[in-house]
N, C-alpha and C. Protein backbone atom coordinates (compact mmCIF):
# COMPACT_ATOMS: atom_id res chain seq x y z
N MET A 1 2.54 6.67 5.16
CA MET A 1 2.63 8.27 4.86
C MET A 1 1.71 8.75 3.39
N ALA A 2 1.12 9.49 3.96
CA ALA A 2 0.60 9.93 2.63
C ALA A 2 0.40 11.22 2.10
N TRP A 3 0.04 11.60 0.82
CA TRP A 3 -0.31 13.13 0.48
C TRP A 3 -1.26 13.11 -0.39
N ASP A 4 -1.97 14.40 0.12
CA ASP A 4 -3.28 15.17 -0.72
C ASP A 4 -4.38 14.08 -0.81
N LYS A 5 -5.44 14.65 -1.39
CA LYS A 5 -6.86 14.27 -1.37
C LYS A 5 -6.85 12.80 -2.59
N SER A 6 -7.85 12.50 -2.25
CA SER A 6 -7.95 11.14 -3.61
C SER A 6 -9.76 11.48 -4.25
N ASN A 7 -10.34 11.20 -4.93
CA ASN A 7 -11.54 11.28 -5.23
C ASN A 7 -12.55 9.86 -4.58
N GLY A 8 -11.20 8.96 -3.80
CA GLY A 8 -12.16 8.00 -3.29
C GLY A 8 -12.59 6.53 -3.93
N ASN A 9 -12.30 6.67 -5.44
CA ASN A 9 -13.08 5.47 -5.88
C ASN A 9 -12.80 4.21 -5.54
N SER A 10 -13.72 3.68 -5.03
CA SER A 10 -13.40 2.44 -4.57
C SER A 10 -13.62 1.57 -5.38
N CYS A 11 -12.84 0.48 -5.21
CA CYS A 11 -12.94 -1.15 -5.96
C CYS A 11 -13.01 -2.19 -4.61
N HIS A 12 -13.86 -3.30 -5.62
CA HIS A 12 -13.90 -4.48 -4.34
C HIS A 12 -12.99 -5.55 -5.72
N LEU A 13 -12.10 -6.08 -5.98
CA LEU A 13 -10.99 -6.27 -6.58
C LEU A 13 -10.28 -7.60 -6.59
N ASN A 14 -10.43 -8.43 -7.19
CA ASN A 14 -9.76 -9.59 -7.24
C ASN A 14 -8.38 -9.17 -7.68
N VAL A 15 -7.32 -8.62 -6.90
CA VAL A 15 -5.87 -8.05 -7.18
C VAL A 15 -5.38 -8.80 -8.29
N ASN A 16 -5.67 -10.27 -9.12
CA ASN A 16 -5.25 -10.98 -10.23
C ASN A 16 -6.57 -10.08 -11.69
N GLU A 17 -7.07 -9.59 -11.55
CA GLU A 17 -8.19 -9.21 -12.68
C GLU A 17 -8.28 -7.57 -12.68
N THR A 18 -9.09 -7.60 -13.36
CA THR A 18 -9.94 -6.35 -13.36
C THR A 18 -10.29 -5.70 -12.71
N SER A 19 -10.56 -4.07 -12.26
CA SER A 19 -11.96 -3.61 -10.89
C SER A 19 -13.05 -3.68 -12.29
N PRO A 20 -14.33 -4.27 -11.53
CA PRO A 20 -15.65 -4.31 -11.94
C PRO A 20 -16.03 -2.62 -11.62
N ASN A 21 -15.54 -1.72 -11.31
CA ASN A 21 -15.81 -0.50 -11.37
C ASN A 21 -14.92 0.64 -12.04
N THR A 22 -13.51 0.10 -11.62
CA THR A 22 -12.82 1.34 -12.54
C THR A 22 -12.57 0.52 -13.91
N GLY A 23 -12.32 -0.99 -14.01
CA GLY A 23 -11.91 -1.37 -15.40
C GLY A 23 -10.13 -1.36 -15.63
N GLN A 24 -9.66 -1.16 -14.06
CA GLN A 24 -8.39 -1.71 -14.22
C GLN A 24 -8.07 -2.26 -12.98
N SER A 25 -6.54 -2.47 -13.59
CA SER A 25 -6.30 -3.69 -12.45
C SER A 25 -5.12 -2.65 -11.44
N ILE A 26 -4.51 -3.95 -10.57
CA ILE A 26 -3.23 -2.48 -9.65
C ILE A 26 -1.96 -3.42 -10.35
N VAL A 27 -1.74 -2.01 -10.99
CA VAL A 27 0.12 -2.42 -11.58
C VAL A 27 1.01 -2.32 -10.75
N VAL A 28 1.82 -3.46 -10.71
CA VAL A 28 2.96 -2.83 -10.21
C VAL A 28 4.19 -2.84 -11.07
N ILE A 29 5.46 -1.94 -10.24
CA ILE A 29 6.78 -1.80 -11.07
C ILE A 29 7.46 -2.22 -10.42
N GLY A 30 8.76 -2.83 -10.72
CA GLY A 30 9.67 -2.35 -10.18
C GLY A 30 10.17 -3.58 -9.36
N ALA A 31 9.02 -4.66 -9.23
CA ALA A 31 8.90 -5.59 -7.90
C ALA A 31 9.37 -7.26 -8.42
N THR A 32 10.54 -7.76 -7.62
CA THR A 32 10.49 -9.25 -8.67
C THR A 32 9.14 -9.85 -8.73
N ALA A 33 9.38 -10.92 -9.16
CA ALA A 33 8.33 -11.62 -9.36
C ALA A 33 7.50 -12.46 -8.21
N ASP A 34 8.26 -12.84 -7.23
CA ASP A 34 7.88 -13.22 -6.04
C ASP A 34 7.90 -11.88 -4.79
N GLN A 35 7.97 -10.89 -5.28
CA GLN A 35 7.32 -9.58 -4.71
C GLN A 35 5.71 -9.50 -4.93
N GLU A 36 6.34 -8.97 -6.27
CA GLU A 36 4.76 -9.40 -6.92
C GLU A 36 3.74 -9.80 -6.45
N THR A 37 4.04 -11.21 -6.95
CA THR A 37 3.28 -12.61 -6.14
C THR A 37 2.61 -12.43 -4.74
N LEU A 38 3.70 -11.79 -4.12
CA LEU A 38 3.19 -12.04 -2.17
C LEU A 38 2.46 -10.63 -2.13
N LEU A 39 2.71 -9.31 -2.82
CA LEU A 39 1.95 -7.94 -2.55
C LEU A 39 0.63 -8.11 -2.62
N ARG A 40 0.38 -9.13 -4.07
CA ARG A 40 -1.15 -9.35 -4.63
C ARG A 40 -2.15 -10.36 -3.91
N SER A 41 -1.15 -11.06 -3.12
CA SER A 41 -1.87 -12.28 -2.38
C SER A 41 -2.51 -11.65 -0.74
N GLN A 42 -1.57 -10.34 -0.41
CA GLN A 42 -1.02 -9.82 0.91
C GLN A 42 -2.71 -8.50 0.85
N ILE A 43 -2.62 -8.06 -0.87
CA ILE A 43 -3.85 -7.39 -0.10
C ILE A 43 -4.99 -7.39 -0.71
N GLN A 44 -5.10 -9.08 -1.72
CA GLN A 44 -6.13 -9.55 -1.55
C GLN A 44 -6.80 -9.80 0.08
N ALA A 45 -5.91 -10.66 0.87
CA ALA A 45 -6.06 -10.89 2.26
C ALA A 45 -6.86 -9.74 2.34
N MET A 46 -6.35 -8.39 2.38
CA MET A 46 -6.33 -7.48 3.22
C MET A 46 -7.89 -6.79 2.50
N HIS A 47 -8.28 -7.33 1.90
CA HIS A 47 -9.75 -7.15 1.12
C HIS A 47 -10.02 -4.93 1.13
N PRO A 48 -9.56 -4.47 1.20
CA PRO A 48 -9.43 -3.04 1.37
C PRO A 48 -10.76 -2.50 0.32
N GLU A 49 -11.63 -1.82 0.83
CA GLU A 49 -12.76 -1.00 0.42
C GLU A 49 -12.15 -0.15 -0.80
N VAL A 50 -10.91 0.55 -0.92
CA VAL A 50 -10.14 1.07 -1.85
C VAL A 50 -9.06 0.56 -2.26
N CYS A 51 -8.51 0.15 -3.48
CA CYS A 51 -7.27 -0.27 -3.80
C CYS A 51 -6.38 0.98 -4.48
N PRO A 52 -5.26 0.67 -5.00
CA PRO A 52 -4.15 1.28 -5.30
C PRO A 52 -4.48 0.98 -6.63
N LEU A 53 -4.00 2.16 -7.62
CA LEU A 53 -4.06 1.40 -8.72
C LEU A 53 -2.52 1.31 -9.43
N ARG A 54 -1.70 1.46 -8.52
CA ARG A 54 0.31 1.31 -8.67
C ARG A 54 0.46 1.30 -7.72
N ILE A 55 1.37 0.23 -7.17
CA ILE A 55 2.58 0.11 -6.67
C ILE A 55 3.92 0.28 -7.14
N ILE A 56 4.51 1.27 -6.61
CA ILE A 56 5.73 1.29 -7.18
C ILE A 56 6.91 0.93 -6.34
N PHE A 57 8.09 -0.21 -6.63
CA PHE A 57 9.42 -0.38 -6.02
C PHE A 57 10.06 0.64 -6.68
N VAL A 58 10.98 1.61 -5.96
CA VAL A 58 12.10 2.22 -6.31
C VAL A 58 12.53 2.64 -5.79
N PRO A 59 14.23 2.09 -6.29
CA PRO A 59 15.19 2.31 -5.44
C PRO A 59 15.47 3.85 -4.50
N HIS A 60 16.43 3.91 -3.34
CA HIS A 60 16.32 5.04 -2.32
C HIS A 60 16.37 6.04 -2.65
N TRP A 61 17.34 6.11 -3.63
CA TRP A 61 17.36 7.60 -4.62
C TRP A 61 16.44 8.24 -4.87
N LYS A 62 15.51 7.21 -5.98
CA LYS A 62 13.99 7.80 -6.22
C LYS A 62 13.24 7.84 -5.24
N TYR A 63 13.23 7.61 -4.49
CA TYR A 63 12.33 7.50 -3.72
C TYR A 63 11.96 8.44 -2.84
N VAL A 64 13.24 9.21 -2.31
CA VAL A 64 13.88 10.67 -1.71
C VAL A 64 13.22 11.33 -2.84
N ASP A 65 13.77 11.36 -3.50
CA ASP A 65 13.12 12.10 -4.90
C ASP A 65 11.50 12.24 -4.96
N ALA A 66 10.93 11.14 -5.44
CA ALA A 66 9.63 11.16 -5.14
C ALA A 66 9.00 11.89 -3.48
N ALA A 67 9.01 11.47 -2.74
CA ALA A 67 9.17 12.31 -1.68
C ALA A 67 9.11 13.77 -1.67
N ARG A 68 10.47 14.07 -2.13
CA ARG A 68 10.77 15.62 -1.95
C ARG A 68 9.49 16.10 -3.48
N THR A 69 9.31 15.48 -4.05
CA THR A 69 8.76 15.82 -5.36
C THR A 69 7.49 16.08 -4.70
N PHE A 70 6.71 14.81 -4.28
CA PHE A 70 5.22 15.67 -3.88
C PHE A 70 5.17 15.84 -2.37
N ARG A 71 5.99 16.71 -2.00
CA ARG A 71 6.15 17.04 -0.63
C ARG A 71 6.02 16.64 0.69
N LEU A 72 6.46 15.27 1.06
CA LEU A 72 6.07 14.48 1.93
C LEU A 72 5.89 14.69 3.52
N HIS A 73 5.20 14.58 4.06
CA HIS A 73 5.78 15.51 5.59
C HIS A 73 5.72 14.39 6.20
N VAL A 74 7.03 13.96 6.80
CA VAL A 74 7.52 12.71 7.67
C VAL A 74 7.14 13.67 8.92
N PRO A 75 6.19 12.66 10.07
CA PRO A 75 6.05 13.44 11.41
C PRO A 75 7.26 13.47 12.18
N LYS A 76 7.51 14.21 13.12
CA LYS A 76 9.19 14.03 13.61
C LYS A 76 9.08 12.96 14.44
N GLY A 77 9.96 12.15 14.69
CA GLY A 77 10.15 10.68 15.20
C GLY A 77 10.01 9.67 14.33
N MET A 78 9.37 9.90 12.79
CA MET A 78 8.93 8.67 12.11
C MET A 78 9.60 8.72 11.10
N SER A 79 9.89 7.65 10.58
CA SER A 79 10.88 7.32 9.46
C SER A 79 9.75 6.93 8.40
N SER A 80 10.51 6.92 6.60
CA SER A 80 9.49 6.42 5.84
C SER A 80 9.70 5.36 5.35
N VAL A 81 9.19 4.19 4.92
CA VAL A 81 9.56 3.21 3.77
C VAL A 81 8.72 2.78 2.85
N MET A 82 7.83 3.51 2.70
CA MET A 82 6.30 3.73 2.54
C MET A 82 5.51 4.81 1.98
N PHE A 83 5.07 5.34 1.08
CA PHE A 83 3.99 5.99 1.29
C PHE A 83 3.11 6.18 -0.27
N THR A 84 1.97 6.90 0.26
CA THR A 84 0.55 6.70 -1.05
C THR A 84 0.62 8.26 -1.07
N HIS A 85 -0.07 8.20 -2.97
CA HIS A 85 -0.04 9.56 -3.14
C HIS A 85 -1.45 9.69 -3.55
N LEU A 86 -2.17 10.09 -2.79
CA LEU A 86 -3.81 9.99 -2.60
C LEU A 86 -4.45 9.74 -4.02
N PRO A 87 -4.28 11.18 -4.82
CA PRO A 87 -4.88 11.61 -6.13
C PRO A 87 -5.04 10.53 -7.22
N SER A 88 -3.20 10.03 -7.11
CA SER A 88 -3.25 9.05 -8.38
C SER A 88 -3.61 7.38 -7.89
N ARG A 89 -3.47 7.60 -6.24
CA ARG A 89 -3.42 6.09 -6.07
C ARG A 89 -2.48 5.31 -6.11
N THR A 90 -1.33 6.13 -5.73
CA THR A 90 -0.37 4.69 -5.90
C THR A 90 0.40 5.11 -4.82
N ILE A 91 0.86 4.16 -4.28
CA ILE A 91 1.70 3.34 -3.33
C ILE A 91 3.09 3.38 -3.91
N PHE A 92 4.42 4.32 -3.55
CA PHE A 92 5.66 4.22 -3.28
C PHE A 92 6.32 3.69 -2.14
N ILE A 93 7.15 2.40 -2.54
CA ILE A 93 8.09 1.34 -1.77
C ILE A 93 9.73 1.70 -1.99
N ASP A 94 10.19 1.96 -1.06
CA ASP A 94 11.75 2.09 -0.72
C ASP A 94 12.15 0.60 -1.45
N HIS A 95 12.55 0.37 -2.25
CA HIS A 95 13.09 -1.16 -2.35
C HIS A 95 14.45 -1.34 -1.54
N ASP A 96 15.38 -0.28 -1.44
CA ASP A 96 16.75 -0.92 -0.66
C ASP A 96 16.43 -1.15 0.40
N HIS A 97 14.83 -0.56 1.08
CA HIS A 97 14.88 -1.12 3.06
C HIS A 97 13.79 -2.02 3.08
N TYR A 98 13.88 -2.92 1.94
CA TYR A 98 12.54 -4.29 1.56
C TYR A 98 12.78 -5.13 2.85
N LEU A 99 12.38 -5.46 3.63
CA LEU A 99 12.75 -6.42 4.75
C LEU A 99 11.61 -7.47 4.79
N GLY A 100 11.21 -8.07 3.61
CA GLY A 100 10.69 -9.23 3.51
C GLY A 100 9.11 -9.19 4.08
N SER A 101 8.39 -10.53 4.08
CA SER A 101 6.91 -10.51 3.87
C SER A 101 5.88 -9.97 4.97
N ALA A 102 6.79 -10.08 6.27
CA ALA A 102 5.78 -9.67 7.22
C ALA A 102 6.06 -8.10 7.05
N TRP A 103 7.30 -7.57 6.75
CA TRP A 103 7.52 -6.06 6.67
C TRP A 103 6.31 -5.39 5.51
N LEU A 104 6.53 -6.41 4.63
CA LEU A 104 5.94 -5.56 3.71
C LEU A 104 4.22 -5.91 3.58
N GLY A 105 3.79 -6.75 4.12
CA GLY A 105 2.03 -6.95 4.19
C GLY A 105 2.38 -5.90 5.77
N TYR A 106 3.21 -5.71 6.83
CA TYR A 106 2.82 -4.74 7.83
C TYR A 106 2.43 -3.33 7.34
N TRP A 107 3.57 -2.90 5.98
CA TRP A 107 3.21 -1.43 6.15
C TRP A 107 2.56 -1.09 4.96
N THR A 108 2.28 -1.77 3.73
CA THR A 108 1.06 -1.79 3.05
C THR A 108 -0.14 -1.56 3.66
N ALA A 109 -0.42 -2.32 5.04
CA ALA A 109 -1.95 -2.61 5.39
C ALA A 109 -1.40 -0.85 6.05
N HIS A 110 -0.98 0.25 6.44
CA HIS A 110 -0.81 0.88 6.51
C HIS A 110 -1.11 2.37 5.46
N GLU A 111 -0.65 1.65 4.84
CA GLU A 111 -0.88 2.71 3.01
C GLU A 111 -2.06 2.75 2.68
N LEU A 112 -2.96 1.45 3.17
CA LEU A 112 -4.35 1.19 2.63
C LEU A 112 -4.84 1.83 3.25
N GLY A 113 -4.34 2.23 4.49
CA GLY A 113 -5.22 2.84 5.39
C GLY A 113 -5.40 4.06 5.09
N HIS A 114 -4.62 4.90 4.82
CA HIS A 114 -4.58 6.05 3.65
C HIS A 114 -5.69 6.02 2.75
N LEU A 115 -5.87 5.02 2.12
CA LEU A 115 -6.12 5.17 0.88
C LEU A 115 -7.55 4.67 1.10
N VAL A 116 -7.83 4.40 2.06
CA VAL A 116 -9.85 3.80 2.68
C VAL A 116 -9.89 5.21 3.49
N THR A 117 -9.14 6.12 4.11
CA THR A 117 -9.72 6.94 5.15
C THR A 117 -9.73 8.11 4.24
N ASN A 118 -8.94 8.00 3.11
CA ASN A 118 -8.79 9.18 1.99
C ASN A 118 -7.83 10.02 2.79
N SER A 119 -7.18 10.16 3.79
CA SER A 119 -6.46 11.10 4.37
C SER A 119 -5.12 10.69 5.00
N VAL A 120 -4.68 12.04 5.03
CA VAL A 120 -3.24 11.92 5.37
C VAL A 120 -2.76 11.64 6.93
N ASP A 121 -3.82 11.44 8.18
CA ASP A 121 -3.46 11.61 9.00
C ASP A 121 -2.97 10.26 9.08
N GLU A 122 -1.71 10.03 10.20
CA GLU A 122 -1.16 8.56 10.23
C GLU A 122 -2.12 8.25 11.32
N ARG A 123 -2.93 8.85 12.45
CA ARG A 123 -3.87 7.74 13.13
C ARG A 123 -4.44 7.48 12.19
N HIS A 124 -5.43 7.64 11.44
CA HIS A 124 -6.45 7.91 11.01
C HIS A 124 -6.05 6.30 9.85
N ALA A 125 -4.88 6.35 9.28
CA ALA A 125 -4.14 5.19 8.63
C ALA A 125 -4.30 3.83 9.52
N GLU A 126 -3.95 4.41 10.84
CA GLU A 126 -3.36 3.23 11.52
C GLU A 126 -4.34 2.84 12.26
N LYS A 127 -5.49 3.46 12.14
CA LYS A 127 -6.95 2.87 12.97
C LYS A 127 -7.25 1.81 11.63
N ALA A 128 -7.17 2.26 10.42
CA ALA A 128 -7.61 1.14 9.77
C ALA A 128 -6.67 0.04 8.96
N ALA A 129 -5.65 0.44 9.11
CA ALA A 129 -4.56 -0.35 9.15
C ALA A 129 -4.73 -1.73 10.02
N ARG A 130 -5.34 -1.59 10.96
CA ARG A 130 -5.39 -2.41 12.60
C ARG A 130 -6.43 -3.71 11.83
N GLU A 131 -7.87 -3.38 11.04
CA GLU A 131 -8.11 -4.39 10.72
C GLU A 131 -7.70 -4.93 9.43
N PHE A 132 -6.93 -4.55 8.82
CA PHE A 132 -6.20 -4.73 7.51
C PHE A 132 -5.55 -6.00 8.14
N ARG A 133 -3.98 -5.32 8.98
CA ARG A 133 -3.32 -6.52 9.40
C ARG A 133 -3.81 -7.99 10.24
N ARG A 134 -5.08 -7.48 10.87
CA ARG A 134 -5.86 -9.00 11.28
C ARG A 134 -6.52 -9.60 10.28
N ARG A 135 -6.96 -8.80 9.43
CA ARG A 135 -7.33 -10.15 7.80
C ARG A 135 -6.31 -10.86 7.44
N LEU A 136 -5.07 -9.79 7.44
CA LEU A 136 -3.85 -10.59 6.94
C LEU A 136 -3.24 -11.91 7.66
N LYS A 137 -3.46 -11.42 8.97
CA LYS A 137 -2.89 -12.60 10.22
C LYS A 137 -3.97 -13.87 10.31
N SER A 138 -4.85 -13.50 9.92
CA SER A 138 -5.78 -15.04 9.59
C SER A 138 -5.65 -15.51 8.67
N LEU A 139 -5.21 -15.19 7.29
CA LEU A 139 -4.76 -15.88 6.20
C LEU A 139 -3.68 -16.32 6.60
N ASN A 140 -2.74 -15.62 7.10
CA ASN A 140 -1.26 -16.61 7.60
C ASN A 140 -1.93 -17.85 8.22
N LYS A 141 -2.89 -17.53 9.29
CA LYS A 141 -3.05 -18.65 9.81
C LYS A 141 -3.16 -19.79 8.93
N GLU A 142 -4.53 -19.51 8.10
CA GLU A 142 -4.44 -20.59 7.42
C GLU A 142 -3.99 -21.19 6.76
N ASP A 143 -2.97 -20.69 6.23
CA ASP A 143 -1.74 -21.19 5.50
C ASP A 143 -1.07 -22.58 5.81
N LEU A 144 -0.60 -22.42 7.23
CA LEU A 144 0.10 -23.57 8.03
C LEU A 144 -0.46 -24.44 8.17
N PRO A 145 0.21 -25.86 8.17
CA PRO A 145 0.11 -26.87 7.98
C PRO A 145 -0.76 -27.32 9.08
């Protein structure tokens, strides 16, 4: 899920360092140390053309409040576990619905799709997410013994 338009500033970024284009790094808030490490490695493997500036894990009540504040529209028949606020390049994650590594990678790819397409359209985000998921899958195969 995404909301509104961003200016599309791109960043090619080692997620553990600052961006050469913006001088900023991805700030992760509310995640455990393991979740943050996993998230950073997944984003690095997906290598998006546009990186989020912030990723915020919030409890469900706060997630619902943020979604209402940003007037998030959830298409009929879909649920929302993450959403992206495009102007601030912030991804919000419903921490109460966190289901582990594969779940995090799958949905983060979708949110990165919103960022790289600079679109709230779910179809555009999913199309971009397919490539990110392919990259992530390649990394996971390399990690096998």
